[in-house]
Amino acid sequence: MGSILAEWDRVEEAERLLLENIELAERSAGNSSLKNAYMTLARLAMARGDTGRVFDLLDQADQNWSSTVFQAESQRIRALIMLGAADSQYRGVV
């Protein structure tokens, strides 16, 4: 539902719901919900230009859940390309 709200540009509602879902998923080991919540929150942060938060969220996504590593790296590369940061300190990532 958080992803749908984000697509409808209801950003504040989406973020609130996604953060609630993360809390629930962490308690219930809901890997898929957790992954989706972090990925959507990262996209919302990118849309707001909150680049520090983008990378914090992606780091959280791949820190404890190995199934999210590929998706987090893909999202990280996408963010770097959008930011024109391919030549920055993240050069080895791309």
Protein backbone atom coordinates (compact mmCIF):
# COMPACT_ATOMS: atom_id res chain seq x y z
CA MET A 1 0.00 0.00 0.00
CA GLY A 2 2.90 2.36 0.74
CA SER A 3 4.22 1.88 -2.80
CA ILE A 4 0.80 2.67 -4.24
CA LEU A 5 0.49 5.83 -2.15
CA ALA A 6 3.96 6.88 -3.33
CA GLU A 7 2.91 6.38 -6.96
CA TRP A 8 -0.17 8.51 -6.31
CA ASP A 9 2.15 11.25 -5.00
CA ARG A 10 0.77 10.96 -1.47
CA VAL A 11 4.31 11.07 -0.13
CA GLU A 12 3.70 11.80 3.55
CA GLU A 13 1.08 9.06 3.88
CA ALA A 14 3.32 6.65 1.99
CA GLU A 15 6.32 7.35 4.18
CA ARG A 16 4.29 6.98 7.40
CA LEU A 17 2.81 3.68 6.27
CA LEU A 18 6.15 2.33 5.01
CA LEU A 19 7.87 3.16 8.29
CA GLU A 20 5.07 1.39 10.20
CA ASN A 21 5.44 -1.61 7.89
CA ILE A 22 9.19 -1.75 8.52
CA GLU A 23 8.57 -1.96 12.27
CA LEU A 24 6.05 -4.77 11.80
CA ALA A 25 8.21 -6.63 9.27
CA GLU A 26 11.27 -6.49 11.52
CA ARG A 27 9.26 -8.10 14.31
CA SER A 28 7.75 -10.76 12.07
CA ALA A 29 10.73 -11.38 9.75
CA GLY A 30 8.68 -10.28 6.75
CA ASN A 31 11.58 -10.03 4.33
CA SER A 32 9.56 -9.18 1.22
CA SER A 33 7.58 -6.39 2.89
CA LEU A 34 10.72 -5.02 4.47
CA LYS A 35 12.59 -4.98 1.18
CA ASN A 36 9.74 -3.24 -0.61
CA ALA A 37 9.40 -0.66 2.15
CA TYR A 38 13.10 0.26 2.08
CA MET A 39 13.18 0.43 -1.73
CA THR A 40 10.11 2.68 -1.87
CA LEU A 41 11.39 4.91 0.94
CA ALA A 42 14.67 5.28 -0.97
CA ARG A 43 12.76 6.31 -4.11
CA LEU A 44 10.73 8.86 -2.11
CA ALA A 45 13.91 10.27 -0.57
CA MET A 46 15.47 10.54 -4.04
CA ALA A 47 12.39 12.35 -5.34
CA ARG A 48 12.78 14.87 -2.51
CA GLY A 49 16.48 15.27 -3.21
CA ASP A 50 17.41 13.86 0.20
CA THR A 51 20.48 12.03 -1.08
CA GLY A 52 21.92 11.23 2.33
CA ARG A 53 18.71 9.47 3.30
CA VAL A 54 18.66 7.56 -0.02
CA PHE A 55 21.97 5.89 0.75
CA ASP A 56 21.15 5.38 4.44
CA LEU A 57 17.95 3.55 3.48
CA LEU A 58 19.71 1.45 0.86
CA ASP A 59 22.44 0.59 3.37
CA GLN A 60 19.75 -0.51 5.83
CA ALA A 61 18.09 -2.56 3.11
CA ASP A 62 21.21 -4.56 2.31
CA GLN A 63 22.70 -4.61 5.80
CA ASN A 64 20.69 -7.49 7.23
CA TRP A 65 18.72 -8.93 4.35
CA SER A 66 20.89 -10.57 1.71
CA SER A 67 17.97 -10.95 -0.71
CA THR A 68 17.83 -7.16 -1.02
CA VAL A 69 21.50 -6.65 -1.84
CA PHE A 70 21.11 -6.79 -5.61
CA GLN A 71 18.08 -4.52 -5.58
CA ALA A 72 19.72 -2.08 -3.17
CA GLU A 73 22.84 -1.93 -5.36
CA SER A 74 20.70 -1.40 -8.46
CA GLN A 75 18.83 1.42 -6.75
CA ARG A 76 22.14 2.88 -5.49
CA ILE A 77 23.56 2.88 -9.04
CA ARG A 78 20.37 4.47 -10.34
CA ALA A 79 20.64 7.21 -7.72
CA LEU A 80 24.31 7.80 -8.54
CA ILE A 81 23.55 8.08 -12.24
CA MET A 82 20.73 10.53 -11.54
CA LEU A 83 23.06 12.56 -9.33
CA GLY A 84 25.88 12.46 -11.86
CA ALA A 85 28.08 11.00 -9.18
CA ALA A 86 29.60 8.18 -11.20
CA ASP A 87 32.98 9.92 -11.02
CA SER A 88 32.79 10.52 -7.28
CA GLN A 89 33.82 8.37 -4.34
CA TYR A 90 31.35 5.72 -5.49
CA ARG A 91 33.16 5.09 -8.77
CA GLY A 92 33.90 1.49 -7.80
CA VAL A 93 30.20 0.79 -7.24
CA VAL A 94 29.22 1.54 -10.82
